[in-house]
All heavy atoms as atom14 arrays in JSON, in Angstrom:
{
  "sequence": "SLLPANYMVRHEVTLVGSFTYTPDDFKHALDLLVQGHVKPSADWL",
  "atom14_mask": [
    [1, 1, 1, 1, 1, 1, 0, 0, 0, 0, 0, 0, 0, 0],
    [1, 1, 1, 1, 1, 1, 1, 1, 0, 0, 0, 0, 0, 0],
    [1, 1, 1, 1, 1, 1, 1, 1, 0, 0, 0, 0, 0, 0],
    [1, 1, 1, 1, 1, 1, 1, 0, 0, 0, 0, 0, 0, 0],
    [1, 1, 1, 1, 1, 0, 0, 0, 0, 0, 0, 0, 0, 0],
    [1, 1, 1, 1, 1, 1, 1, 1, 0, 0, 0, 0, 0, 0],
    [1, 1, 1, 1, 1, 1, 1, 1, 1, 1, 1, 1, 0, 0],
    [1, 1, 1, 1, 1, 1, 1, 1, 0, 0, 0, 0, 0, 0],
    [1, 1, 1, 1, 1, 1, 1, 0, 0, 0, 0, 0, 0, 0],
    [1, 1, 1, 1, 1, 1, 1, 1, 1, 1, 1, 0, 0, 0],
    [1, 1, 1, 1, 1, 1, 1, 1, 1, 1, 0, 0, 0, 0],
    [1, 1, 1, 1, 1, 1, 1, 1, 1, 0, 0, 0, 0, 0],
    [1, 1, 1, 1, 1, 1, 1, 0, 0, 0, 0, 0, 0, 0],
    [1, 1, 1, 1, 1, 1, 1, 0, 0, 0, 0, 0, 0, 0],
    [1, 1, 1, 1, 1, 1, 1, 1, 0, 0, 0, 0, 0, 0],
    [1, 1, 1, 1, 1, 1, 1, 0, 0, 0, 0, 0, 0, 0],
    [1, 1, 1, 1, 0, 0, 0, 0, 0, 0, 0, 0, 0, 0],
    [1, 1, 1, 1, 1, 1, 0, 0, 0, 0, 0, 0, 0, 0],
    [1, 1, 1, 1, 1, 1, 1, 1, 1, 1, 1, 0, 0, 0],
    [1, 1, 1, 1, 1, 1, 1, 0, 0, 0, 0, 0, 0, 0],
    [1, 1, 1, 1, 1, 1, 1, 1, 1, 1, 1, 1, 0, 0],
    [1, 1, 1, 1, 1, 1, 1, 0, 0, 0, 0, 0, 0, 0],
    [1, 1, 1, 1, 1, 1, 1, 0, 0, 0, 0, 0, 0, 0],
    [1, 1, 1, 1, 1, 1, 1, 1, 0, 0, 0, 0, 0, 0],
    [1, 1, 1, 1, 1, 1, 1, 1, 0, 0, 0, 0, 0, 0],
    [1, 1, 1, 1, 1, 1, 1, 1, 1, 1, 1, 0, 0, 0],
    [1, 1, 1, 1, 1, 1, 1, 1, 1, 0, 0, 0, 0, 0],
    [1, 1, 1, 1, 1, 1, 1, 1, 1, 1, 0, 0, 0, 0],
    [1, 1, 1, 1, 1, 0, 0, 0, 0, 0, 0, 0, 0, 0],
    [1, 1, 1, 1, 1, 1, 1, 1, 0, 0, 0, 0, 0, 0],
    [1, 1, 1, 1, 1, 1, 1, 1, 0, 0, 0, 0, 0, 0],
    [1, 1, 1, 1, 1, 1, 1, 1, 0, 0, 0, 0, 0, 0],
    [1, 1, 1, 1, 1, 1, 1, 1, 0, 0, 0, 0, 0, 0],
    [1, 1, 1, 1, 1, 1, 1, 0, 0, 0, 0, 0, 0, 0],
    [1, 1, 1, 1, 1, 1, 1, 1, 1, 0, 0, 0, 0, 0],
    [1, 1, 1, 1, 0, 0, 0, 0, 0, 0, 0, 0, 0, 0],
    [1, 1, 1, 1, 1, 1, 1, 1, 1, 1, 0, 0, 0, 0],
    [1, 1, 1, 1, 1, 1, 1, 0, 0, 0, 0, 0, 0, 0],
    [1, 1, 1, 1, 1, 1, 1, 1, 1, 0, 0, 0, 0, 0],
    [1, 1, 1, 1, 1, 1, 1, 0, 0, 0, 0, 0, 0, 0],
    [1, 1, 1, 1, 1, 1, 0, 0, 0, 0, 0, 0, 0, 0],
    [1, 1, 1, 1, 1, 0, 0, 0, 0, 0, 0, 0, 0, 0],
    [1, 1, 1, 1, 1, 1, 1, 1, 0, 0, 0, 0, 0, 0],
    [1, 1, 1, 1, 1, 1, 1, 1, 1, 1, 1, 1, 1, 1],
    [1, 1, 1, 1, 1, 1, 1, 1, 0, 0, 0, 0, 0, 0]
  ],
  "atom14_positions": [
    [[89.64, 86.29, 65.93], [88.21, 86.57, 66.03], [87.37, 85.47, 65.45], [87.75, 84.94, 64.42], [87.89, 87.89, 65.31], [88.51, 88.97, 65.9], [0.0, 0.0, 0.0], [0.0, 0.0, 0.0], [0.0, 0.0, 0.0], [0.0, 0.0, 0.0], [0.0, 0.0, 0.0], [0.0, 0.0, 0.0], [0.0, 0.0, 0.0], [0.0, 0.0, 0.0]],
    [[86.27, 85.16, 66.08], [85.25, 84.24, 65.63], [84.3, 85.01, 64.75], [83.57, 85.89, 65.28], [84.58, 83.56, 66.76], [83.52, 82.41, 66.32], [84.27, 81.24, 65.63], [82.83, 81.86, 67.55], [0.0, 0.0, 0.0], [0.0, 0.0, 0.0], [0.0, 0.0, 0.0], [0.0, 0.0, 0.0], [0.0, 0.0, 0.0], [0.0, 0.0, 0.0]],
    [[84.23, 84.72, 63.47], [83.4, 85.53, 62.54], [82.29, 84.64, 61.98], [82.38, 83.43, 61.85], [84.27, 86.08, 61.43], [85.39, 87.03, 61.84], [86.24, 87.46, 60.67], [84.84, 88.22, 62.59], [0.0, 0.0, 0.0], [0.0, 0.0, 0.0], [0.0, 0.0, 0.0], [0.0, 0.0, 0.0], [0.0, 0.0, 0.0], [0.0, 0.0, 0.0]],
    [[81.19, 85.3, 61.49], [80.02, 84.57, 60.9], [80.38, 84.04, 59.52], [79.91, 84.61, 58.52], [78.95, 85.59, 60.96], [79.6, 86.89, 60.81], [80.94, 86.75, 61.58], [0.0, 0.0, 0.0], [0.0, 0.0, 0.0], [0.0, 0.0, 0.0], [0.0, 0.0, 0.0], [0.0, 0.0, 0.0], [0.0, 0.0, 0.0], [0.0, 0.0, 0.0]],
    [[81.1, 83.0, 59.46], [81.6, 82.43, 58.13], [80.44, 82.03, 57.22], [80.48, 82.3, 56.04], [82.52, 81.26, 58.37], [0.0, 0.0, 0.0], [0.0, 0.0, 0.0], [0.0, 0.0, 0.0], [0.0, 0.0, 0.0], [0.0, 0.0, 0.0], [0.0, 0.0, 0.0], [0.0, 0.0, 0.0], [0.0, 0.0, 0.0], [0.0, 0.0, 0.0]],
    [[79.43, 81.38, 57.79], [78.35, 80.9, 56.88], [77.58, 82.08, 56.3], [77.16, 82.05, 55.11], [77.38, 79.99, 57.68], [77.9, 78.6, 57.91], [79.02, 78.29, 57.41], [77.17, 77.77, 58.6], [0.0, 0.0, 0.0], [0.0, 0.0, 0.0], [0.0, 0.0, 0.0], [0.0, 0.0, 0.0], [0.0, 0.0, 0.0], [0.0, 0.0, 0.0]],
    [[77.4, 83.12, 57.09], [76.77, 84.34, 56.6], [77.59, 84.93, 55.43], [77.04, 85.33, 54.36], [76.68, 85.33, 57.73], [76.09, 86.71, 57.26], [74.72, 86.89, 57.31], [76.89, 87.75, 56.82], [74.17, 88.14, 56.95], [76.34, 88.97, 56.45], [74.95, 89.11, 56.52], [74.47, 90.33, 56.1], [0.0, 0.0, 0.0], [0.0, 0.0, 0.0]],
    [[78.93, 84.95, 55.59], [79.82, 85.42, 54.52], [79.71, 84.59, 53.29], [79.68, 85.15, 52.18], [81.24, 85.5, 55.06], [81.46, 86.47, 56.17], [83.1, 86.3, 56.95], [84.14, 86.62, 55.5], [0.0, 0.0, 0.0], [0.0, 0.0, 0.0], [0.0, 0.0, 0.0], [0.0, 0.0, 0.0], [0.0, 0.0, 0.0], [0.0, 0.0, 0.0]],
    [[79.61, 83.28, 53.45], [79.53, 82.42, 52.28], [78.19, 82.73, 51.54], [78.17, 82.84, 50.3], [79.56, 80.97, 52.71], [79.22, 80.03, 51.57], [80.96, 80.66, 53.22], [0.0, 0.0, 0.0], [0.0, 0.0, 0.0], [0.0, 0.0, 0.0], [0.0, 0.0, 0.0], [0.0, 0.0, 0.0], [0.0, 0.0, 0.0], [0.0, 0.0, 0.0]],
    [[77.11, 82.75, 52.27], [75.79, 82.91, 51.68], [75.58, 84.29, 51.07], [74.68, 84.42, 50.19], [74.66, 82.58, 52.73], [74.64, 81.18, 53.2], [73.6, 80.95, 54.3], [73.64, 79.54, 54.72], [73.72, 79.17, 56.0], [73.76, 80.08, 56.94], [73.75, 77.87, 56.34], [0.0, 0.0, 0.0], [0.0, 0.0, 0.0], [0.0, 0.0, 0.0]],
    [[76.29, 85.26, 51.52], [76.19, 86.62, 50.91], [77.4, 87.02, 50.13], [77.49, 88.15, 49.68], [76.0, 87.59, 52.06], [74.68, 87.47, 52.78], [74.46, 86.5, 53.75], [73.49, 88.1, 52.68], [73.23, 86.6, 54.22], [72.6, 87.57, 53.56], [0.0, 0.0, 0.0], [0.0, 0.0, 0.0], [0.0, 0.0, 0.0], [0.0, 0.0, 0.0]],
    [[78.25, 86.1, 49.85], [79.45, 86.34, 49.02], [80.12, 87.61, 49.46], [80.5, 88.46, 48.61], [79.06, 86.31, 47.55], [78.71, 85.01, 46.99], [78.64, 84.92, 45.46], [78.8, 85.95, 44.8], [78.47, 83.8, 44.96], [0.0, 0.0, 0.0], [0.0, 0.0, 0.0], [0.0, 0.0, 0.0], [0.0, 0.0, 0.0], [0.0, 0.0, 0.0]],
    [[80.39, 87.71, 50.74], [81.16, 88.84, 51.27], [82.65, 88.62, 51.05], [83.18, 87.62, 51.35], [80.89, 89.06, 52.75], [81.8, 90.13, 53.32], [79.41, 89.37, 52.99], [0.0, 0.0, 0.0], [0.0, 0.0, 0.0], [0.0, 0.0, 0.0], [0.0, 0.0, 0.0], [0.0, 0.0, 0.0], [0.0, 0.0, 0.0], [0.0, 0.0, 0.0]],
    [[83.33, 89.54, 50.41], [84.75, 89.5, 50.2], [85.42, 90.1, 51.43], [85.19, 91.24, 51.79], [85.2, 90.32, 48.94], [84.59, 89.67, 47.85], [86.66, 90.25, 48.8], [0.0, 0.0, 0.0], [0.0, 0.0, 0.0], [0.0, 0.0, 0.0], [0.0, 0.0, 0.0], [0.0, 0.0, 0.0], [0.0, 0.0, 0.0], [0.0, 0.0, 0.0]],
    [[86.3, 89.29, 52.05], [87.04, 89.71, 53.21], [88.5, 89.84, 52.83], [89.13, 88.93, 52.39], [86.89, 88.7, 54.36], [87.37, 89.1, 55.75], [86.57, 90.21, 56.31], [87.3, 87.89, 56.7], [0.0, 0.0, 0.0], [0.0, 0.0, 0.0], [0.0, 0.0, 0.0], [0.0, 0.0, 0.0], [0.0, 0.0, 0.0], [0.0, 0.0, 0.0]],
    [[89.1, 91.03, 53.02], [90.47, 91.22, 52.63], [91.25, 91.97, 53.74], [90.69, 92.82, 54.4], [90.55, 92.05, 51.3], [89.83, 93.38, 51.43], [91.98, 92.24, 50.87], [0.0, 0.0, 0.0], [0.0, 0.0, 0.0], [0.0, 0.0, 0.0], [0.0, 0.0, 0.0], [0.0, 0.0, 0.0], [0.0, 0.0, 0.0], [0.0, 0.0, 0.0]],
    [[92.45, 91.54, 53.95], [93.29, 92.23, 54.93], [94.03, 93.36, 54.22], [94.25, 93.37, 53.05], [0.0, 0.0, 0.0], [0.0, 0.0, 0.0], [0.0, 0.0, 0.0], [0.0, 0.0, 0.0], [0.0, 0.0, 0.0], [0.0, 0.0, 0.0], [0.0, 0.0, 0.0], [0.0, 0.0, 0.0], [0.0, 0.0, 0.0], [0.0, 0.0, 0.0]],
    [[94.4, 94.36, 55.08], [95.16, 95.48, 54.61], [96.33, 95.71, 55.55], [96.13, 96.06, 56.75], [94.36, 96.8, 54.53], [95.1, 97.88, 54.13], [0.0, 0.0, 0.0], [0.0, 0.0, 0.0], [0.0, 0.0, 0.0], [0.0, 0.0, 0.0], [0.0, 0.0, 0.0], [0.0, 0.0, 0.0], [0.0, 0.0, 0.0], [0.0, 0.0, 0.0]],
    [[97.56, 95.47, 55.08], [98.75, 95.54, 55.96], [99.67, 96.64, 55.45], [100.18, 96.54, 54.35], [99.49, 94.25, 56.0], [100.72, 94.24, 56.83], [100.67, 94.32, 58.23], [101.97, 94.21, 56.26], [101.78, 94.42, 59.03], [103.13, 94.31, 57.08], [103.06, 94.37, 58.4], [0.0, 0.0, 0.0], [0.0, 0.0, 0.0], [0.0, 0.0, 0.0]],
    [[99.91, 97.65, 56.21], [100.81, 98.77, 55.98], [100.61, 99.36, 54.62], [99.49, 99.77, 54.26], [102.3, 98.33, 56.16], [102.66, 97.32, 55.26], [102.52, 97.86, 57.61], [0.0, 0.0, 0.0], [0.0, 0.0, 0.0], [0.0, 0.0, 0.0], [0.0, 0.0, 0.0], [0.0, 0.0, 0.0], [0.0, 0.0, 0.0], [0.0, 0.0, 0.0]],
    [[101.62, 99.3, 53.71], [101.58, 100.1, 52.43], [102.78, 99.68, 51.6], [103.81, 99.13, 52.06], [101.69, 101.55, 52.75], [102.59, 101.85, 53.91], [104.0, 101.82, 53.81], [102.1, 101.98, 55.18], [104.86, 101.95, 54.91], [102.91, 102.13, 56.31], [104.34, 102.11, 56.18], [105.13, 102.22, 57.26], [0.0, 0.0, 0.0], [0.0, 0.0, 0.0]],
    [[102.71, 99.92, 50.34], [103.79, 99.78, 49.39], [104.56, 101.04, 49.32], [104.07, 102.14, 49.73], [103.26, 99.33, 47.99], [102.52, 100.44, 47.44], [102.38, 98.13, 48.05], [0.0, 0.0, 0.0], [0.0, 0.0, 0.0], [0.0, 0.0, 0.0], [0.0, 0.0, 0.0], [0.0, 0.0, 0.0], [0.0, 0.0, 0.0], [0.0, 0.0, 0.0]],
    [[105.75, 101.02, 48.74], [106.49, 102.27, 48.52], [105.67, 103.32, 47.64], [105.73, 104.51, 47.93], [107.73, 101.86, 47.76], [107.98, 100.47, 48.29], [106.63, 99.85, 48.38], [0.0, 0.0, 0.0], [0.0, 0.0, 0.0], [0.0, 0.0, 0.0], [0.0, 0.0, 0.0], [0.0, 0.0, 0.0], [0.0, 0.0, 0.0], [0.0, 0.0, 0.0]],
    [[104.92, 102.84, 46.69], [104.04, 103.72, 45.95], [102.96, 104.36, 46.81], [102.61, 105.55, 46.6], [103.43, 103.01, 44.76], [104.37, 102.69, 43.65], [105.49, 103.34, 43.6], [104.12, 101.83, 42.78], [0.0, 0.0, 0.0], [0.0, 0.0, 0.0], [0.0, 0.0, 0.0], [0.0, 0.0, 0.0], [0.0, 0.0, 0.0], [0.0, 0.0, 0.0]],
    [[102.38, 103.56, 47.75], [101.35, 104.1, 48.65], [101.96, 105.23, 49.49], [101.37, 106.25, 49.73], [100.82, 103.04, 49.53], [100.01, 101.97, 48.84], [99.39, 102.27, 47.84], [100.08, 100.8, 49.25], [0.0, 0.0, 0.0], [0.0, 0.0, 0.0], [0.0, 0.0, 0.0], [0.0, 0.0, 0.0], [0.0, 0.0, 0.0], [0.0, 0.0, 0.0]],
    [[103.2, 105.0, 49.91], [103.86, 105.97, 50.8], [104.12, 107.25, 50.08], [103.85, 108.36, 50.58], [105.21, 105.38, 51.3], [105.77, 106.1, 52.52], [105.45, 105.75, 53.79], [106.7, 107.13, 52.27], [105.99, 106.45, 54.86], [107.23, 107.84, 53.36], [106.85, 107.54, 54.64], [0.0, 0.0, 0.0], [0.0, 0.0, 0.0], [0.0, 0.0, 0.0]],
    [[104.56, 107.19, 48.83], [104.81, 108.33, 48.01], [103.49, 109.05, 47.77], [103.41, 110.33, 47.77], [105.46, 107.97, 46.67], [105.64, 109.09, 45.69], [106.56, 110.22, 46.24], [106.99, 111.23, 45.22], [105.87, 111.96, 44.58], [0.0, 0.0, 0.0], [0.0, 0.0, 0.0], [0.0, 0.0, 0.0], [0.0, 0.0, 0.0], [0.0, 0.0, 0.0]],
    [[102.42, 108.33, 47.46], [101.14, 108.94, 47.25], [100.66, 109.71, 48.55], [100.12, 110.78, 48.43], [100.08, 107.88, 46.88], [98.72, 108.46, 46.51], [98.6, 109.51, 45.7], [97.51, 108.11, 46.92], [97.27, 109.77, 45.6], [96.6, 108.95, 46.34], [0.0, 0.0, 0.0], [0.0, 0.0, 0.0], [0.0, 0.0, 0.0], [0.0, 0.0, 0.0]],
    [[100.9, 109.09, 49.68], [100.48, 109.74, 50.94], [101.21, 111.06, 51.16], [100.69, 112.11, 51.51], [100.76, 108.82, 52.1], [0.0, 0.0, 0.0], [0.0, 0.0, 0.0], [0.0, 0.0, 0.0], [0.0, 0.0, 0.0], [0.0, 0.0, 0.0], [0.0, 0.0, 0.0], [0.0, 0.0, 0.0], [0.0, 0.0, 0.0], [0.0, 0.0, 0.0]],
    [[102.53, 111.03, 50.81], [103.32, 112.32, 50.88], [102.76, 113.35, 49.92], [102.66, 114.52, 50.29], [104.79, 111.98, 50.58], [105.78, 113.18, 50.65], [105.71, 113.85, 52.06], [107.21, 112.77, 50.4], [0.0, 0.0, 0.0], [0.0, 0.0, 0.0], [0.0, 0.0, 0.0], [0.0, 0.0, 0.0], [0.0, 0.0, 0.0], [0.0, 0.0, 0.0]],
    [[102.41, 112.89, 48.73], [101.8, 113.87, 47.77], [100.5, 114.45, 48.34], [100.24, 115.67, 48.15], [101.53, 113.17, 46.47], [102.82, 112.78, 45.72], [103.87, 113.39, 45.98], [102.75, 111.94, 44.84], [0.0, 0.0, 0.0], [0.0, 0.0, 0.0], [0.0, 0.0, 0.0], [0.0, 0.0, 0.0], [0.0, 0.0, 0.0], [0.0, 0.0, 0.0]],
    [[99.67, 113.61, 48.99], [98.38, 114.12, 49.56], [98.64, 115.13, 50.62], [97.91, 116.17, 50.81], [97.57, 112.93, 50.08], [97.01, 111.99, 49.05], [96.17, 110.88, 49.75], [96.19, 112.64, 48.02], [0.0, 0.0, 0.0], [0.0, 0.0, 0.0], [0.0, 0.0, 0.0], [0.0, 0.0, 0.0], [0.0, 0.0, 0.0], [0.0, 0.0, 0.0]],
    [[99.71, 114.92, 51.47], [100.05, 115.87, 52.47], [100.5, 117.22, 51.86], [100.12, 118.29, 52.32], [101.13, 115.33, 53.39], [100.7, 114.27, 54.35], [101.9, 113.48, 54.87], [99.94, 114.89, 55.53], [0.0, 0.0, 0.0], [0.0, 0.0, 0.0], [0.0, 0.0, 0.0], [0.0, 0.0, 0.0], [0.0, 0.0, 0.0], [0.0, 0.0, 0.0]],
    [[101.31, 117.14, 50.8], [101.74, 118.37, 50.1], [100.57, 119.11, 49.55], [100.5, 120.36, 49.58], [102.72, 117.95, 49.01], [103.05, 119.18, 48.13], [103.99, 117.4, 49.56], [0.0, 0.0, 0.0], [0.0, 0.0, 0.0], [0.0, 0.0, 0.0], [0.0, 0.0, 0.0], [0.0, 0.0, 0.0], [0.0, 0.0, 0.0], [0.0, 0.0, 0.0]],
    [[99.55, 118.35, 49.09], [98.36, 118.99, 48.5], [97.38, 119.43, 49.57], [96.34, 120.11, 49.28], [97.65, 117.96, 47.56], [98.43, 117.55, 46.41], [97.9, 116.31, 45.69], [96.77, 115.83, 45.97], [98.75, 115.63, 44.91], [0.0, 0.0, 0.0], [0.0, 0.0, 0.0], [0.0, 0.0, 0.0], [0.0, 0.0, 0.0], [0.0, 0.0, 0.0]],
    [[97.64, 119.18, 50.87], [96.86, 119.69, 51.92], [95.63, 118.88, 52.29], [94.77, 119.35, 52.99], [0.0, 0.0, 0.0], [0.0, 0.0, 0.0], [0.0, 0.0, 0.0], [0.0, 0.0, 0.0], [0.0, 0.0, 0.0], [0.0, 0.0, 0.0], [0.0, 0.0, 0.0], [0.0, 0.0, 0.0], [0.0, 0.0, 0.0], [0.0, 0.0, 0.0]],
    [[95.55, 117.62, 51.9], [94.39, 116.76, 52.23], [94.39, 116.41, 53.72], [93.31, 116.14, 54.23], [94.44, 115.48, 51.36], [94.09, 115.71, 49.95], [92.86, 115.76, 49.53], [94.92, 115.91, 48.83], [92.83, 115.98, 48.2], [94.11, 116.05, 47.77], [0.0, 0.0, 0.0], [0.0, 0.0, 0.0], [0.0, 0.0, 0.0], [0.0, 0.0, 0.0]],
    [[95.53, 116.39, 54.37], [95.58, 116.26, 55.79], [96.55, 117.27, 56.38], [97.63, 117.45, 55.82], [96.06, 114.79, 56.17], [96.25, 114.7, 57.7], [95.1, 113.74, 55.7], [0.0, 0.0, 0.0], [0.0, 0.0, 0.0], [0.0, 0.0, 0.0], [0.0, 0.0, 0.0], [0.0, 0.0, 0.0], [0.0, 0.0, 0.0], [0.0, 0.0, 0.0]],
    [[96.07, 117.98, 57.42], [96.88, 119.04, 58.05], [96.98, 118.79, 59.5], [96.01, 118.4, 60.15], [96.27, 120.38, 57.72], [96.17, 120.72, 56.26], [95.54, 122.11, 56.03], [95.49, 122.42, 54.53], [94.81, 123.74, 54.32], [0.0, 0.0, 0.0], [0.0, 0.0, 0.0], [0.0, 0.0, 0.0], [0.0, 0.0, 0.0], [0.0, 0.0, 0.0]],
    [[98.12, 119.03, 60.11], [98.33, 118.8, 61.58], [97.73, 119.94, 62.41], [98.46, 120.7, 63.05], [99.81, 118.74, 61.72], [100.38, 119.57, 60.63], [99.37, 119.42, 59.43], [0.0, 0.0, 0.0], [0.0, 0.0, 0.0], [0.0, 0.0, 0.0], [0.0, 0.0, 0.0], [0.0, 0.0, 0.0], [0.0, 0.0, 0.0], [0.0, 0.0, 0.0]],
    [[96.42, 120.04, 62.41], [95.76, 121.13, 63.12], [95.45, 120.75, 64.57], [95.36, 119.59, 64.9], [94.5, 121.57, 62.4], [93.62, 120.46, 62.24], [0.0, 0.0, 0.0], [0.0, 0.0, 0.0], [0.0, 0.0, 0.0], [0.0, 0.0, 0.0], [0.0, 0.0, 0.0], [0.0, 0.0, 0.0], [0.0, 0.0, 0.0], [0.0, 0.0, 0.0]],
    [[95.26, 121.83, 65.38], [95.08, 121.59, 66.81], [93.78, 120.93, 67.19], [93.62, 120.5, 68.34], [95.2, 122.97, 67.54], [0.0, 0.0, 0.0], [0.0, 0.0, 0.0], [0.0, 0.0, 0.0], [0.0, 0.0, 0.0], [0.0, 0.0, 0.0], [0.0, 0.0, 0.0], [0.0, 0.0, 0.0], [0.0, 0.0, 0.0], [0.0, 0.0, 0.0]],
    [[92.81, 120.87, 66.3], [91.52, 120.22, 66.64], [91.65, 118.73, 66.76], [90.71, 118.12, 67.3], [90.48, 120.66, 65.62], [90.81, 120.24, 64.19], [92.0, 120.06, 63.95], [89.89, 120.19, 63.41], [0.0, 0.0, 0.0], [0.0, 0.0, 0.0], [0.0, 0.0, 0.0], [0.0, 0.0, 0.0], [0.0, 0.0, 0.0], [0.0, 0.0, 0.0]],
    [[92.7, 118.17, 66.22], [92.83, 116.68, 66.29], [94.24, 116.26, 66.68], [94.41, 115.08, 67.07], [92.43, 116.01, 65.0], [93.44, 116.16, 63.88], [93.71, 117.26, 63.13], [94.32, 115.19, 63.42], [94.72, 117.05, 62.22], [95.1, 115.73, 62.35], [94.54, 113.79, 63.75], [96.1, 115.03, 61.72], [95.5, 113.06, 62.99], [96.27, 113.69, 62.04]],
    [[95.21, 117.11, 66.68], [96.64, 116.7, 66.96], [97.26, 117.66, 67.95], [97.09, 118.88, 67.91], [97.43, 116.74, 65.65], [98.85, 116.36, 65.67], [99.23, 115.64, 64.34], [99.82, 117.5, 65.89], [0.0, 0.0, 0.0], [0.0, 0.0, 0.0], [0.0, 0.0, 0.0], [0.0, 0.0, 0.0], [0.0, 0.0, 0.0], [0.0, 0.0, 0.0]]
  ]
}
């Protein structure tokens, strides 16, 4: 992608990539499912 680099420099925008997850992230996600933060309901799945 061609991005507005000068704009980012002048506004000190932090650009960070996010790729997959760590094992700790995966365990945390499983905990959130157990706690009911995401449910496989028919309105979206």
